[in-house]
C-alpha atoms as a PDB file:
ATOM      1  CA  MET A   1      36.121  57.990  51.919  1.00  0.00           C
ATOM      2  CA  ARG A   2      35.127  55.486  49.297  1.00  0.00           C
ATOM      3  CA  ARG A   3      31.632  55.269  47.803  1.00  0.00           C
ATOM      4  CA  ALA A   4      30.152  52.631  45.575  1.00  0.00           C
ATOM      5  CA  SER A   5      26.720  51.593  44.412  1.00  0.00           C
ATOM      6  CA  GLY A   6      27.347  47.950  45.330  1.00  0.00           C
ATOM      7  CA  THR A   7      28.894  46.391  48.377  1.00  0.00           C
ATOM      8  CA  ALA A   8      31.316  44.373  46.241  1.00  0.00           C
ATOM      9  CA  ARG A   9      32.696  47.538  44.658  1.00  0.00           C
ATOM     10  CA  ALA A  10      33.218  49.070  48.083  1.00  0.00           C
ATOM     11  CA  GLY A  11      35.136  45.999  49.204  1.00  0.00           C
ATOM     12  CA  LEU A  12      32.432  45.098  51.720  1.00  0.00           C
ATOM     13  CA  PRO A  13      30.835  41.700  52.187  1.00  0.00           C
ATOM     14  CA  GLY A  14      27.052  41.458  52.023  1.00  0.00           C
ATOM     15  CA  GLY A  15      24.516  40.090  54.486  1.00  0.00           C
ATOM     16  CA  GLY A  16      24.818  40.176  58.251  1.00  0.00           C
ATOM     17  CA  HIS A  17      28.459  41.173  58.104  1.00  0.00           C
ATOM     18  CA  LEU A  18      27.407  44.750  57.372  1.00  0.00           C
ATOM     19  CA  ALA A  19      25.776  45.044  60.803  1.00  0.00           C
ATOM     20  CA  VAL A  20      29.052  44.004  62.417  1.00  0.00           C
ATOM     21  CA  LEU A  21      30.994  46.531  60.337  1.00  0.00           C
ATOM     22  CA  ARG A  22      28.496  49.307  61.177  1.00  0.00           C
ATOM     23  CA  ASP A  23      28.633  48.471  64.889  1.00  0.00           C
ATOM     24  CA  ALA A  24      32.438  48.669  64.731  1.00  0.00           C
ATOM     25  CA  ASN A  25      32.265  52.037  62.884  1.00  0.00           C
ATOM     26  CA  LEU A  26      34.015  50.514  59.867  1.00  0.00           C
ATOM     27  CA  ALA A  27      31.134  51.067  57.416  1.00  0.00           C
ATOM     28  CA  VAL A  28      28.097  53.326  57.093  1.00  0.00           C
ATOM     29  CA  GLY A  29      24.992  53.088  54.947  1.00  0.00           C
ATOM     30  CA  GLU A  30      23.206  55.955  53.246  1.00  0.00           C
ATOM     31  CA  ARG A  31      19.810  55.718  51.561  1.00  0.00           C
ATOM     32  CA  VAL A  32      19.830  56.830  47.920  1.00  0.00           C
ATOM     33  CA  GLY A  33      16.324  56.497  46.545  1.00  0.00           C
ATOM     34  CA  ARG A  34      15.254  52.917  47.183  1.00  0.00           C
ATOM     35  CA  ARG A  35      18.828  51.682  47.603  1.00  0.00           C
ATOM     36  CA  VAL A  36      21.166  51.735  50.543  1.00  0.00           C
ATOM     37  CA  VAL A  37      24.702  52.612  49.520  1.00  0.00           C
ATOM     38  CA  TYR A  38      27.427  51.390  51.872  1.00  0.00           C
ATOM     39  CA  ARG A  39      30.903  52.821  52.169  1.00  0.00           C
ATOM     40  CA  ARG A  40      33.864  52.271  54.397  1.00  0.00           C
ATOM     41  CA  THR A  41      34.608  54.896  57.010  1.00  0.00           C
ATOM     42  CA  ASP A  42      38.118  56.289  57.393  1.00  0.00           C
ATOM     43  CA  SER A  43      38.666  53.649  60.091  1.00  0.00           C
ATOM     44  CA  GLY A  44      37.488  50.967  57.650  1.00  0.00           C
ATOM     45  CA  ASP A  45      39.849  52.259  54.962  1.00  0.00           C
ATOM     46  CA  LEU A  46      42.728  52.261  57.431  1.00  0.00           C
ATOM     47  CA  LEU A  47      42.037  48.678  58.441  1.00  0.00           C
ATOM     48  CA  ALA A  48      41.519  47.458  54.850  1.00  0.00           C
ATOM     49  CA  THR A  49      44.343  49.297  53.096  1.00  0.00           C
ATOM     50  CA  GLY A  50      46.713  50.624  55.744  1.00  0.00           C
ATOM     51  CA  THR A  51      45.912  54.232  54.765  1.00  0.00           C
ATOM     52  CA  ALA A  52      42.940  56.418  55.588  1.00  0.00           C
ATOM     53  CA  ALA A  53      41.255  58.484  52.895  1.00  0.00           C
ATOM     54  CA  GLY A  54      42.218  62.145  53.076  1.00  0.00           C
ATOM     55  CA  VAL A  55      45.291  61.488  55.209  1.00  0.00           C
ATOM     56  CA  ALA A  56      48.614  62.578  53.748  1.00  0.00           C
ATOM     57  CA  THR A  57      51.454  60.074  54.029  1.00  0.00           C
ATOM     58  CA  GLY A  58      55.167  60.560  53.785  1.00  0.00           C
END
């Protein structure tokens, strides 16, 4: 799973799109202090890159 302090670094758009991604289980948010850090779920990684984090290929 990928983590980043900004949505752009995580490859996620900002704004209302995050609610759609959360509802589809493609992204999750986690509060870190006063910030919310978003990351793609394994399903989000699979959709975005064709491979899921932590899944061996080959």
